[in-house]
Amino acid sequence: MSQAINQKKVGENSMINHPMIFKGLGFMLIAIPIMFLLLIGNPTIANAQTDPNQLTKAVQEIEALDGMRTQLASTLKNQPEAPDLDTFKQVCKPVGIRAKQLSQENGWKVRQIANKYRNPVHSPNSLQETMALANFEQNPELMGFWQREMMKGEKGTAYYRRINVEGSCLACHGAKNSRPKFVQEKYPQDLAYDFKEGDLRGMYGVFIPDIQAALTEFTP
């Protein structure tokens, strides 16, 4: 059973997409209603063993992560030179590093997932991830949703949040023949091209283990 977060139109003033969403009042306006709907409207999750504070924190951290992605990608606008490997290290790599840090700091499993991936490590590796991507593809207004899952025999709650293509992303993810040289050389299995602004780029996936499992994992 899943809990969806919908939005009719995602724009620059959208609360769910704003990089500063969780500063001050913005966080209260989005996090509390989401958690209320999650726990009251979804008995399956309300009765589960995933810590509700962790669910709230997951929304907060993923919005901050996407805000970082947006901010870094915006530095590519109006650049006279084509992106190179140094551009990748400055713009794309920090997002992946932060996702790994979130996993280590919280005991979560955080991934960036896409059907049209650049690095095969980001391809969906379970039926649940494949179906989650299909859900976003079929529902353009859907921004994110929760559902109970089991990962490698471990029970928990998964949170999926869509990633949309922005105009600044097209410098590396536009037409196949216009991809930077370093992309063609570094990623021979690249599928992440021919996007248009507003397309579904992929999603963030966060798996939060149940309380008892998390306590066991972090017991010295």
N, C-alpha and C. Protein backbone atom coordinates (compact mmCIF):
# COMPACT_ATOMS: atom_id res chain seq x y z
N MET A 1 0.85 -1.19 0.00
CA MET A 1 0.00 0.00 0.00
C MET A 1 0.88 1.23 0.00
N SER A 2 0.55 2.20 -0.80
CA SER A 2 1.41 3.36 -0.94
C SER A 2 0.67 4.63 -0.59
N GLN A 3 1.44 5.66 -0.29
CA GLN A 3 0.90 7.00 -0.02
C GLN A 3 1.52 7.96 -1.01
N ALA A 4 0.70 8.61 -1.81
CA ALA A 4 1.20 9.43 -2.89
C ALA A 4 1.25 10.90 -2.50
N ILE A 5 2.18 11.62 -3.12
CA ILE A 5 2.28 13.07 -3.01
C ILE A 5 2.09 13.62 -4.41
N ASN A 6 0.99 14.32 -4.64
CA ASN A 6 0.67 14.79 -5.98
C ASN A 6 0.81 16.30 -6.08
N GLN A 7 1.01 16.77 -7.31
CA GLN A 7 1.11 18.20 -7.57
C GLN A 7 0.66 18.43 -8.99
N LYS A 8 -0.26 19.38 -9.20
CA LYS A 8 -0.80 19.59 -10.54
C LYS A 8 0.23 20.15 -11.48
N LYS A 9 1.06 21.06 -11.01
CA LYS A 9 2.07 21.62 -11.89
C LYS A 9 3.27 21.99 -11.06
N VAL A 10 4.45 21.55 -11.51
CA VAL A 10 5.69 21.85 -10.80
C VAL A 10 6.30 23.09 -11.43
N GLY A 11 6.47 24.15 -10.65
CA GLY A 11 7.03 25.39 -11.16
C GLY A 11 8.08 25.92 -10.24
N GLU A 12 8.60 27.10 -10.55
CA GLU A 12 9.68 27.66 -9.77
C GLU A 12 9.25 27.99 -8.36
N ASN A 13 7.96 28.27 -8.15
CA ASN A 13 7.47 28.63 -6.84
C ASN A 13 6.90 27.43 -6.09
N SER A 14 7.05 26.24 -6.66
CA SER A 14 6.50 25.05 -6.05
C SER A 14 7.17 24.75 -4.73
N MET A 15 6.38 24.52 -3.66
CA MET A 15 6.95 24.20 -2.36
C MET A 15 7.75 22.92 -2.40
N ILE A 16 7.27 21.93 -3.17
CA ILE A 16 7.93 20.63 -3.16
C ILE A 16 9.26 20.66 -3.87
N ASN A 17 9.49 21.65 -4.74
CA ASN A 17 10.72 21.69 -5.51
C ASN A 17 11.68 22.78 -5.06
N HIS A 18 11.24 23.65 -4.16
CA HIS A 18 12.06 24.80 -3.79
C HIS A 18 13.28 24.36 -2.99
N PRO A 19 14.49 24.81 -3.35
CA PRO A 19 15.70 24.39 -2.64
C PRO A 19 15.69 24.73 -1.17
N MET A 20 14.92 25.74 -0.75
CA MET A 20 14.91 26.16 0.65
C MET A 20 13.68 25.62 1.37
N ILE A 21 13.09 24.54 0.84
CA ILE A 21 11.81 24.05 1.33
C ILE A 21 11.78 23.81 2.83
N PHE A 22 12.86 23.34 3.38
CA PHE A 22 12.84 22.94 4.77
C PHE A 22 13.45 23.98 5.69
N LYS A 23 13.51 25.21 5.27
CA LYS A 23 13.93 26.29 6.15
C LYS A 23 12.68 26.97 6.70
N GLY A 24 12.59 27.04 8.00
CA GLY A 24 11.51 27.77 8.65
C GLY A 24 10.14 27.24 8.31
N LEU A 25 9.25 28.14 7.93
CA LEU A 25 7.86 27.80 7.73
C LEU A 25 7.66 26.83 6.59
N GLY A 26 8.52 26.89 5.57
CA GLY A 26 8.37 26.00 4.41
C GLY A 26 8.34 24.55 4.82
N PHE A 27 9.25 24.18 5.71
CA PHE A 27 9.31 22.78 6.16
C PHE A 27 8.03 22.39 6.89
N MET A 28 7.54 23.28 7.78
CA MET A 28 6.36 22.96 8.54
C MET A 28 5.15 22.76 7.63
N LEU A 29 5.07 23.56 6.57
CA LEU A 29 3.91 23.50 5.69
C LEU A 29 3.86 22.22 4.88
N ILE A 30 5.03 21.66 4.55
CA ILE A 30 5.03 20.47 3.70
C ILE A 30 5.19 19.18 4.50
N ALA A 31 6.06 19.19 5.52
CA ALA A 31 6.38 17.95 6.22
C ALA A 31 5.23 17.48 7.10
N ILE A 32 4.61 18.40 7.84
CA ILE A 32 3.55 17.99 8.76
C ILE A 32 2.34 17.42 8.01
N PRO A 33 1.84 18.10 6.95
CA PRO A 33 0.72 17.49 6.22
C PRO A 33 1.05 16.14 5.62
N ILE A 34 2.26 15.99 5.11
CA ILE A 34 2.65 14.72 4.51
C ILE A 34 2.61 13.62 5.55
N MET A 35 3.20 13.91 6.73
CA MET A 35 3.24 12.89 7.77
C MET A 35 1.85 12.60 8.31
N PHE A 36 0.99 13.63 8.40
CA PHE A 36 -0.38 13.42 8.86
C PHE A 36 -1.12 12.48 7.91
N LEU A 37 -1.01 12.76 6.62
CA LEU A 37 -1.66 11.90 5.63
C LEU A 37 -1.07 10.50 5.64
N LEU A 38 0.23 10.45 5.81
CA LEU A 38 0.93 9.17 5.79
C LEU A 38 0.47 8.27 6.92
N LEU A 39 0.40 8.83 8.14
CA LEU A 39 0.12 8.01 9.32
C LEU A 39 -1.37 7.82 9.55
N ILE A 40 -2.18 8.85 9.25
CA ILE A 40 -3.61 8.75 9.48
C ILE A 40 -4.32 8.08 8.31
N GLY A 41 -3.90 8.46 7.11
CA GLY A 41 -4.59 7.95 5.92
C GLY A 41 -4.11 6.60 5.45
N ASN A 42 -3.02 6.10 6.02
CA ASN A 42 -2.47 4.83 5.58
C ASN A 42 -2.19 3.94 6.78
N PRO A 43 -3.19 3.14 7.22
CA PRO A 43 -3.01 2.30 8.40
C PRO A 43 -1.85 1.34 8.29
N THR A 44 -1.53 0.88 7.07
CA THR A 44 -0.43 -0.06 6.91
C THR A 44 0.86 0.54 7.42
N ILE A 45 1.13 1.81 7.03
CA ILE A 45 2.35 2.47 7.46
C ILE A 45 2.23 2.92 8.91
N ALA A 46 1.03 3.35 9.32
CA ALA A 46 0.85 3.80 10.69
C ALA A 46 1.17 2.70 11.69
N ASN A 47 0.88 1.45 11.33
CA ASN A 47 1.11 0.33 12.22
C ASN A 47 2.47 -0.33 12.01
N ALA A 48 3.25 0.19 11.08
CA ALA A 48 4.54 -0.39 10.78
C ALA A 48 5.56 0.03 11.83
N GLN A 49 6.75 -0.55 11.73
CA GLN A 49 7.79 -0.30 12.70
C GLN A 49 8.82 0.71 12.23
N THR A 50 8.59 1.34 11.09
CA THR A 50 9.50 2.39 10.65
C THR A 50 9.27 3.63 11.51
N ASP A 51 10.34 4.23 12.00
CA ASP A 51 10.26 5.40 12.85
C ASP A 51 9.65 6.57 12.07
N PRO A 52 8.51 7.14 12.52
CA PRO A 52 7.89 8.27 11.81
C PRO A 52 8.84 9.46 11.65
N ASN A 53 9.71 9.67 12.63
CA ASN A 53 10.67 10.77 12.52
C ASN A 53 11.63 10.55 11.35
N GLN A 54 11.94 9.28 11.09
CA GLN A 54 12.81 8.97 9.96
C GLN A 54 12.10 9.23 8.64
N LEU A 55 10.81 8.98 8.60
CA LEU A 55 10.05 9.24 7.38
C LEU A 55 10.03 10.73 7.07
N THR A 56 9.81 11.55 8.09
CA THR A 56 9.83 12.99 7.91
C THR A 56 11.21 13.46 7.46
N LYS A 57 12.24 12.93 8.11
CA LYS A 57 13.61 13.33 7.79
C LYS A 57 13.97 12.94 6.36
N ALA A 58 13.46 11.80 5.90
CA ALA A 58 13.76 11.36 4.54
C ALA A 58 13.24 12.36 3.52
N VAL A 59 12.01 12.86 3.73
CA VAL A 59 11.46 13.88 2.82
C VAL A 59 12.36 15.12 2.84
N GLN A 60 12.73 15.54 4.03
CA GLN A 60 13.57 16.72 4.19
C GLN A 60 14.89 16.57 3.45
N GLU A 61 15.56 15.45 3.66
CA GLU A 61 16.89 15.25 3.08
C GLU A 61 16.84 15.10 1.56
N ILE A 62 15.81 14.42 1.05
CA ILE A 62 15.72 14.24 -0.40
C ILE A 62 15.37 15.55 -1.09
N GLU A 63 14.55 16.38 -0.46
CA GLU A 63 14.27 17.69 -1.05
C GLU A 63 15.54 18.54 -1.06
N ALA A 64 16.32 18.46 0.01
CA ALA A 64 17.58 19.20 0.04
C ALA A 64 18.54 18.67 -1.02
N LEU A 65 18.56 17.36 -1.20
CA LEU A 65 19.42 16.75 -2.22
C LEU A 65 19.03 17.21 -3.61
N ASP A 66 17.73 17.24 -3.89
CA ASP A 66 17.28 17.69 -5.21
C ASP A 66 17.53 19.18 -5.38
N GLY A 67 17.45 19.94 -4.29
CA GLY A 67 17.78 21.35 -4.36
C GLY A 67 19.24 21.55 -4.72
N MET A 68 20.12 20.71 -4.17
CA MET A 68 21.53 20.75 -4.51
C MET A 68 21.73 20.46 -5.99
N ARG A 69 21.03 19.44 -6.49
CA ARG A 69 21.13 19.07 -7.91
C ARG A 69 20.73 20.25 -8.80
N THR A 70 19.62 20.88 -8.46
CA THR A 70 19.12 22.01 -9.24
C THR A 70 20.12 23.17 -9.23
N GLN A 71 20.62 23.48 -8.05
CA GLN A 71 21.55 24.60 -7.92
C GLN A 71 22.83 24.36 -8.70
N LEU A 72 23.39 23.15 -8.58
CA LEU A 72 24.62 22.84 -9.29
C LEU A 72 24.40 22.83 -10.81
N ALA A 73 23.29 22.28 -11.25
CA ALA A 73 23.00 22.23 -12.68
C ALA A 73 22.82 23.62 -13.27
N SER A 74 22.31 24.55 -12.45
CA SER A 74 22.08 25.91 -12.95
C SER A 74 23.38 26.62 -13.32
N THR A 75 24.51 26.14 -12.79
CA THR A 75 25.80 26.76 -13.12
C THR A 75 26.20 26.49 -14.57
N LEU A 76 25.51 25.57 -15.23
CA LEU A 76 25.84 25.25 -16.62
C LEU A 76 25.17 26.21 -17.61
N LYS A 77 24.22 27.00 -17.11
CA LYS A 77 23.51 27.92 -18.01
C LYS A 77 24.46 28.94 -18.62
N ASN A 78 24.30 29.13 -19.92
CA ASN A 78 25.04 30.17 -20.66
C ASN A 78 26.55 30.00 -20.60
N GLN A 79 27.00 28.76 -20.37
CA GLN A 79 28.44 28.51 -20.38
C GLN A 79 28.92 28.42 -21.82
N PRO A 80 29.95 29.18 -22.21
CA PRO A 80 30.40 29.17 -23.61
C PRO A 80 31.09 27.87 -24.01
N GLU A 81 31.67 27.17 -23.04
CA GLU A 81 32.41 25.95 -23.34
C GLU A 81 31.57 24.72 -23.02
N ALA A 82 31.81 23.65 -23.78
CA ALA A 82 31.10 22.40 -23.54
C ALA A 82 31.53 21.79 -22.21
N PRO A 83 30.62 21.12 -21.52
CA PRO A 83 30.98 20.46 -20.26
C PRO A 83 32.09 19.43 -20.49
N ASP A 84 32.98 19.30 -19.50
CA ASP A 84 34.05 18.31 -19.57
C ASP A 84 34.07 17.50 -18.29
N LEU A 85 35.10 16.70 -18.10
CA LEU A 85 35.17 15.84 -16.93
C LEU A 85 35.20 16.65 -15.64
N ASP A 86 35.86 17.80 -15.66
CA ASP A 86 35.88 18.65 -14.48
C ASP A 86 34.49 19.17 -14.15
N THR A 87 33.70 19.44 -15.19
CA THR A 87 32.31 19.88 -14.98
C THR A 87 31.54 18.79 -14.27
N PHE A 88 31.72 17.56 -14.71
CA PHE A 88 31.04 16.42 -14.07
C PHE A 88 31.40 16.34 -12.60
N LYS A 89 32.67 16.50 -12.28
CA LYS A 89 33.12 16.40 -10.89
C LYS A 89 32.54 17.51 -10.02
N GLN A 90 32.29 18.66 -10.62
CA GLN A 90 31.79 19.80 -9.86
C GLN A 90 30.26 19.84 -9.78
N VAL A 91 29.59 19.30 -10.81
CA VAL A 91 28.14 19.45 -10.91
C VAL A 91 27.37 18.18 -10.55
N CYS A 92 27.78 17.05 -11.08
CA CYS A 92 27.03 15.80 -10.90
C CYS A 92 27.53 14.95 -9.73
N LYS A 93 28.83 14.85 -9.60
CA LYS A 93 29.40 13.96 -8.59
C LYS A 93 29.00 14.30 -7.16
N PRO A 94 28.93 15.61 -6.78
CA PRO A 94 28.56 15.93 -5.40
C PRO A 94 27.20 15.37 -4.98
N VAL A 95 26.26 15.26 -5.92
CA VAL A 95 24.94 14.73 -5.59
C VAL A 95 25.05 13.25 -5.22
N GLY A 96 25.83 12.51 -5.98
CA GLY A 96 26.04 11.10 -5.68
C GLY A 96 26.75 10.91 -4.35
N ILE A 97 27.72 11.77 -4.08
CA ILE A 97 28.45 11.69 -2.81
C ILE A 97 27.52 11.94 -1.64
N ARG A 98 26.66 12.95 -1.79
CA ARG A 98 25.73 13.27 -0.70
C ARG A 98 24.74 12.14 -0.48
N ALA A 99 24.29 11.48 -1.54
CA ALA A 99 23.38 10.35 -1.40
C ALA A 99 24.03 9.23 -0.59
N LYS A 100 25.31 8.97 -0.83
CA LYS A 100 26.03 7.95 -0.06
C LYS A 100 26.17 8.37 1.39
N GLN A 101 26.40 9.65 1.62
CA GLN A 101 26.52 10.14 3.00
C GLN A 101 25.21 9.96 3.76
N LEU A 102 24.08 10.21 3.09
CA LEU A 102 22.78 10.03 3.73
C LEU A 102 22.57 8.57 4.14
N SER A 103 23.02 7.66 3.30
CA SER A 103 22.92 6.24 3.63
C SER A 103 23.74 5.92 4.87
N GLN A 104 24.97 6.41 4.90
CA GLN A 104 25.87 6.12 6.01
C GLN A 104 25.43 6.79 7.30
N GLU A 105 24.94 8.02 7.22
CA GLU A 105 24.59 8.78 8.41
C GLU A 105 23.29 8.30 9.07
N ASN A 106 22.38 7.74 8.28
CA ASN A 106 21.05 7.41 8.78
C ASN A 106 20.71 5.93 8.80
N GLY A 107 21.56 5.12 8.23
CA GLY A 107 21.22 3.70 8.15
C GLY A 107 20.20 3.42 7.07
N TRP A 108 20.04 4.37 6.11
CA TRP A 108 19.14 4.16 4.99
C TRP A 108 19.90 3.56 3.82
N LYS A 109 19.16 3.25 2.77
CA LYS A 109 19.75 2.90 1.48
C LYS A 109 19.20 3.90 0.46
N VAL A 110 20.06 4.83 0.04
CA VAL A 110 19.66 5.91 -0.85
C VAL A 110 20.26 5.70 -2.23
N ARG A 111 19.42 5.76 -3.25
CA ARG A 111 19.89 5.55 -4.62
C ARG A 111 19.27 6.56 -5.56
N GLN A 112 19.96 6.84 -6.66
CA GLN A 112 19.38 7.52 -7.81
C GLN A 112 19.13 6.43 -8.85
N ILE A 113 17.92 6.40 -9.39
CA ILE A 113 17.50 5.28 -10.23
C ILE A 113 16.87 5.80 -11.52
N ALA A 114 17.18 5.18 -12.64
CA ALA A 114 16.62 5.61 -13.92
C ALA A 114 16.60 4.46 -14.92
N ASN A 115 15.62 4.48 -15.79
CA ASN A 115 15.61 3.53 -16.90
C ASN A 115 16.61 3.97 -17.97
N LYS A 116 16.65 5.28 -18.22
CA LYS A 116 17.61 5.82 -19.18
C LYS A 116 18.82 6.31 -18.38
N TYR A 117 19.62 5.37 -17.95
CA TYR A 117 20.75 5.68 -17.08
C TYR A 117 22.00 6.01 -17.88
N ARG A 118 22.91 6.70 -17.22
CA ARG A 118 24.23 6.96 -17.79
C ARG A 118 25.22 5.93 -17.27
N ASN A 119 25.15 5.68 -15.98
CA ASN A 119 25.99 4.66 -15.34
C ASN A 119 25.08 3.48 -14.98
N PRO A 120 25.42 2.26 -15.40
CA PRO A 120 24.54 1.11 -15.14
C PRO A 120 24.23 0.89 -13.66
N VAL A 121 25.04 1.45 -12.76
CA VAL A 121 24.78 1.28 -11.33
C VAL A 121 23.46 1.92 -10.93
N HIS A 122 22.95 2.84 -11.77
CA HIS A 122 21.70 3.52 -11.47
C HIS A 122 20.48 2.86 -12.11
N SER A 123 20.65 1.74 -12.74
CA SER A 123 19.51 1.04 -13.32
C SER A 123 18.67 0.41 -12.21
N PRO A 124 17.36 0.24 -12.41
CA PRO A 124 16.54 -0.40 -11.37
C PRO A 124 17.01 -1.83 -11.14
N ASN A 125 17.11 -2.22 -9.87
CA ASN A 125 17.60 -3.55 -9.55
C ASN A 125 16.58 -4.41 -8.82
N SER A 126 15.32 -4.01 -8.88
CA SER A 126 14.27 -4.81 -8.27
C SER A 126 12.95 -4.53 -8.99
N LEU A 127 11.99 -5.41 -8.83
CA LEU A 127 10.67 -5.22 -9.42
C LEU A 127 10.01 -3.97 -8.85
N GLN A 128 10.23 -3.73 -7.53
CA GLN A 128 9.63 -2.55 -6.90
C GLN A 128 10.14 -1.26 -7.53
N GLU A 129 11.45 -1.19 -7.81
CA GLU A 129 12.00 0.01 -8.43
C GLU A 129 11.50 0.18 -9.85
N THR A 130 11.39 -0.91 -10.58
CA THR A 130 10.87 -0.85 -11.95
C THR A 130 9.43 -0.34 -11.96
N MET A 131 8.63 -0.85 -11.03
CA MET A 131 7.23 -0.44 -10.95
C MET A 131 7.10 1.01 -10.47
N ALA A 132 8.00 1.44 -9.58
CA ALA A 132 7.97 2.82 -9.10
C ALA A 132 8.25 3.80 -10.25
N LEU A 133 9.24 3.47 -11.08
CA LEU A 133 9.54 4.31 -12.25
C LEU A 133 8.35 4.35 -13.21
N ALA A 134 7.72 3.20 -13.41
CA ALA A 134 6.55 3.15 -14.29
C ALA A 134 5.42 4.02 -13.72
N ASN A 135 5.29 4.04 -12.41
CA ASN A 135 4.27 4.86 -11.76
C ASN A 135 4.49 6.34 -12.06
N PHE A 136 5.74 6.78 -11.98
CA PHE A 136 6.05 8.18 -12.30
C PHE A 136 5.83 8.48 -13.78
N GLU A 137 6.19 7.53 -14.64
CA GLU A 137 6.02 7.73 -16.07
C GLU A 137 4.54 7.87 -16.44
N GLN A 138 3.70 7.09 -15.79
CA GLN A 138 2.28 7.09 -16.09
C GLN A 138 1.52 8.22 -15.41
N ASN A 139 2.14 8.84 -14.40
CA ASN A 139 1.48 9.90 -13.63
C ASN A 139 2.41 11.11 -13.52
N PRO A 140 2.41 11.99 -14.55
CA PRO A 140 3.33 13.13 -14.57
C PRO A 140 3.17 14.08 -13.38
N GLU A 141 2.00 14.09 -12.73
CA GLU A 141 1.77 14.99 -11.61
C GLU A 141 2.23 14.40 -10.29
N LEU A 142 2.58 13.13 -10.29
CA LEU A 142 3.01 12.46 -9.06
C LEU A 142 4.45 12.85 -8.72
N MET A 143 4.65 13.42 -7.53
CA MET A 143 5.98 13.85 -7.12
C MET A 143 6.69 12.82 -6.26
N GLY A 144 5.93 12.06 -5.48
CA GLY A 144 6.58 11.07 -4.63
C GLY A 144 5.55 10.20 -3.95
N PHE A 145 5.99 9.06 -3.44
CA PHE A 145 5.08 8.18 -2.72
C PHE A 145 5.87 7.23 -1.82
N TRP A 146 5.17 6.72 -0.82
CA TRP A 146 5.71 5.75 0.14
C TRP A 146 5.08 4.39 -0.13
N GLN A 147 5.79 3.34 0.23
CA GLN A 147 5.17 2.03 0.27
C GLN A 147 6.02 1.08 1.12
N ARG A 148 5.35 0.13 1.72
CA ARG A 148 6.04 -0.87 2.51
C ARG A 148 6.74 -1.84 1.57
N GLU A 149 7.98 -2.20 1.89
CA GLU A 149 8.75 -3.10 1.04
C GLU A 149 9.63 -4.00 1.91
N MET A 150 10.22 -4.99 1.25
CA MET A 150 11.23 -5.82 1.88
C MET A 150 12.45 -5.80 0.97
N MET A 151 13.61 -5.48 1.52
CA MET A 151 14.84 -5.44 0.76
C MET A 151 15.84 -6.44 1.34
N LYS A 152 16.17 -7.44 0.55
CA LYS A 152 17.13 -8.47 0.97
C LYS A 152 16.73 -9.08 2.31
N GLY A 153 15.44 -9.39 2.44
CA GLY A 153 14.92 -10.02 3.64
C GLY A 153 14.66 -9.07 4.79
N GLU A 154 14.87 -7.76 4.59
CA GLU A 154 14.70 -6.77 5.65
C GLU A 154 13.45 -5.93 5.38
N LYS A 155 12.56 -5.84 6.37
CA LYS A 155 11.34 -5.07 6.22
C LYS A 155 11.60 -3.59 6.47
N GLY A 156 10.87 -2.75 5.75
CA GLY A 156 11.02 -1.31 5.93
C GLY A 156 10.04 -0.55 5.06
N THR A 157 10.26 0.75 4.96
CA THR A 157 9.43 1.63 4.15
C THR A 157 10.30 2.28 3.09
N ALA A 158 9.81 2.28 1.86
CA ALA A 158 10.54 2.90 0.75
C ALA A 158 9.86 4.21 0.38
N TYR A 159 10.67 5.23 0.12
CA TYR A 159 10.18 6.52 -0.36
C TYR A 159 10.80 6.77 -1.73
N TYR A 160 9.94 7.04 -2.71
CA TYR A 160 10.40 7.34 -4.07
C TYR A 160 9.99 8.76 -4.43
N ARG A 161 10.93 9.50 -5.02
CA ARG A 161 10.67 10.90 -5.37
C ARG A 161 11.20 11.15 -6.78
N ARG A 162 10.37 11.71 -7.64
CA ARG A 162 10.71 11.89 -9.05
C ARG A 162 11.82 12.91 -9.23
N ILE A 163 12.57 12.77 -10.34
CA ILE A 163 13.57 13.74 -10.77
C ILE A 163 13.18 14.15 -12.18
N ASN A 164 12.96 15.44 -12.37
CA ASN A 164 12.61 15.97 -13.69
C ASN A 164 13.82 16.59 -14.37
N VAL A 165 13.83 16.57 -15.68
CA VAL A 165 14.90 17.18 -16.46
C VAL A 165 14.69 18.69 -16.50
N GLU A 166 15.73 19.43 -16.18
CA GLU A 166 15.70 20.89 -16.26
C GLU A 166 16.47 21.33 -17.50
N GLY A 167 16.23 22.55 -17.93
CA GLY A 167 16.88 23.05 -19.14
C GLY A 167 18.38 22.98 -19.07
N SER A 168 18.93 23.26 -17.90
CA SER A 168 20.39 23.25 -17.74
C SER A 168 20.98 21.85 -17.85
N CYS A 169 20.13 20.83 -17.70
CA CYS A 169 20.61 19.44 -17.78
C CYS A 169 20.90 19.03 -19.23
N LEU A 170 20.31 19.76 -20.18
CA LEU A 170 20.39 19.34 -21.58
C LEU A 170 21.78 19.51 -22.19
N ALA A 171 22.66 20.23 -21.49
CA ALA A 171 24.03 20.36 -21.97
C ALA A 171 24.70 18.99 -22.06
N CYS A 172 24.31 18.09 -21.16
CA CYS A 172 24.87 16.72 -21.18
C CYS A 172 23.83 15.66 -21.53
N HIS A 173 22.55 16.00 -21.43
CA HIS A 173 21.50 15.00 -21.60
C HIS A 173 20.55 15.32 -22.76
N GLY A 174 21.00 16.19 -23.68
CA GLY A 174 20.19 16.53 -24.84
C GLY A 174 20.34 15.50 -25.96
N ALA A 175 20.44 15.97 -27.17
CA ALA A 175 20.53 15.07 -28.33
C ALA A 175 21.75 14.15 -28.22
N LYS A 176 21.58 12.94 -28.70
CA LYS A 176 22.65 11.94 -28.61
C LYS A 176 23.94 12.43 -29.25
N ASN A 177 23.84 13.03 -30.40
CA ASN A 177 25.05 13.45 -31.13
C ASN A 177 25.71 14.70 -30.55
N SER A 178 25.03 15.37 -29.61
CA SER A 178 25.60 16.58 -29.02
C SER A 178 26.19 16.32 -27.63
N ARG A 179 26.22 15.08 -27.22
CA ARG A 179 26.79 14.78 -25.90
C ARG A 179 28.27 15.15 -25.86
N PRO A 180 28.75 15.67 -24.72
CA PRO A 180 30.17 16.00 -24.60
C PRO A 180 31.05 14.79 -24.87
N LYS A 181 32.23 15.03 -25.36
CA LYS A 181 33.13 13.95 -25.72
C LYS A 181 33.45 13.05 -24.54
N PHE A 182 33.64 13.65 -23.36
CA PHE A 182 34.01 12.83 -22.20
C PHE A 182 32.89 11.87 -21.82
N VAL A 183 31.63 12.25 -22.06
CA VAL A 183 30.50 11.37 -21.75
C VAL A 183 30.53 10.15 -22.68
N GLN A 184 30.75 10.40 -23.96
CA GLN A 184 30.79 9.29 -24.91
C GLN A 184 31.93 8.32 -24.62
N GLU A 185 33.04 8.86 -24.12
CA GLU A 185 34.20 8.01 -23.83
C GLU A 185 34.07 7.31 -22.48
N LYS A 186 33.55 8.01 -21.48
CA LYS A 186 33.50 7.48 -20.12
C LYS A 186 32.31 6.53 -19.90
N TYR A 187 31.23 6.74 -20.68
CA TYR A 187 30.02 5.94 -20.47
C TYR A 187 29.58 5.29 -21.78
N PRO A 188 30.23 4.20 -22.16
CA PRO A 188 29.89 3.54 -23.43
C PRO A 188 28.48 2.95 -23.44
N GLN A 189 27.91 2.70 -22.25
CA GLN A 189 26.55 2.14 -22.18
C GLN A 189 25.51 3.24 -21.92
N ASP A 190 25.88 4.47 -22.16
CA ASP A 190 25.01 5.62 -21.86
C ASP A 190 23.66 5.52 -22.56
N LEU A 191 22.60 5.70 -21.78
CA LEU A 191 21.24 5.77 -22.32
C LEU A 191 20.58 7.10 -21.99
N ALA A 192 21.28 7.98 -21.27
CA ALA A 192 20.69 9.20 -20.73
C ALA A 192 20.82 10.37 -21.69
N TYR A 193 20.18 10.27 -22.83
CA TYR A 193 20.22 11.34 -23.82
C TYR A 193 18.85 11.46 -24.50
N ASP A 194 18.74 12.46 -25.38
CA ASP A 194 17.49 12.75 -26.10
C ASP A 194 16.35 13.15 -25.15
N PHE A 195 16.72 13.76 -24.01
CA PHE A 195 15.71 14.29 -23.11
C PHE A 195 15.27 15.67 -23.55
N LYS A 196 14.10 16.05 -23.09
CA LYS A 196 13.60 17.41 -23.24
C LYS A 196 13.27 17.95 -21.85
N GLU A 197 13.27 19.26 -21.72
CA GLU A 197 12.98 19.87 -20.42
C GLU A 197 11.60 19.40 -19.93
N GLY A 198 11.55 19.00 -18.68
CA GLY A 198 10.30 18.54 -18.09
C GLY A 198 10.12 17.04 -18.14
N ASP A 199 10.95 16.33 -18.93
CA ASP A 199 10.87 14.87 -18.98
C ASP A 199 11.23 14.26 -17.63
N LEU A 200 10.77 13.04 -17.42
CA LEU A 200 11.18 12.28 -16.25
C LEU A 200 12.61 11.80 -16.44
N ARG A 201 13.50 12.27 -15.59
CA ARG A 201 14.91 11.84 -15.65
C ARG A 201 15.12 10.53 -14.90
N GLY A 202 14.39 10.37 -13.80
CA GLY A 202 14.52 9.18 -12.97
C GLY A 202 13.90 9.46 -11.62
N MET A 203 14.45 8.87 -10.57
CA MET A 203 13.89 9.08 -9.24
C MET A 203 14.96 8.83 -8.18
N TYR A 204 14.70 9.38 -7.00
CA TYR A 204 15.47 9.03 -5.81
C TYR A 204 14.72 7.89 -5.11
N GLY A 205 15.45 6.93 -4.61
CA GLY A 205 14.85 5.86 -3.83
C GLY A 205 15.51 5.80 -2.47
N VAL A 206 14.69 5.81 -1.41
CA VAL A 206 15.20 5.72 -0.04
C VAL A 206 14.52 4.54 0.64
N PHE A 207 15.30 3.59 1.12
CA PHE A 207 14.75 2.48 1.89
C PHE A 207 15.11 2.69 3.35
N ILE A 208 14.08 2.77 4.21
CA ILE A 208 14.27 3.01 5.63
C ILE A 208 13.89 1.74 6.38
N PRO A 209 14.85 1.06 6.99
CA PRO A 209 14.52 -0.18 7.70
C PRO A 209 13.66 0.07 8.93
N ASP A 210 12.92 -0.93 9.34
CA ASP A 210 12.10 -0.81 10.53
C ASP A 210 12.96 -0.56 11.76
N ILE A 211 12.32 -0.07 12.82
CA ILE A 211 13.03 0.34 14.02
C ILE A 211 13.90 -0.76 14.58
N GLN A 212 13.35 -1.96 14.76
CA GLN A 212 14.11 -3.03 15.40
C GLN A 212 15.32 -3.41 14.56
N ALA A 213 15.14 -3.44 13.22
CA ALA A 213 16.26 -3.77 12.35
C ALA A 213 17.35 -2.71 12.44
N ALA A 214 16.95 -1.44 12.51
CA ALA A 214 17.91 -0.37 12.60
C ALA A 214 18.67 -0.41 13.91
N LEU A 215 17.96 -0.72 15.01
CA LEU A 215 18.60 -0.80 16.31
C LEU A 215 19.62 -1.93 16.33
N THR A 216 19.27 -3.04 15.72
CA THR A 216 20.18 -4.18 15.67
C THR A 216 21.44 -3.84 14.89
N GLU A 217 21.24 -3.13 13.75
CA GLU A 217 22.36 -2.79 12.88
C GLU A 217 23.36 -1.87 13.58
N PHE A 218 22.86 -0.95 14.43
CA PHE A 218 23.72 0.03 15.04
C PHE A 218 24.09 -0.26 16.48
N THR A 219 23.74 -1.47 16.97
CA THR A 219 24.14 -1.87 18.31
C THR A 219 25.62 -2.24 18.31
N PRO A 220 26.46 -1.62 19.20
CA PRO A 220 27.89 -1.92 19.21
C PRO A 220 28.17 -3.34 19.68
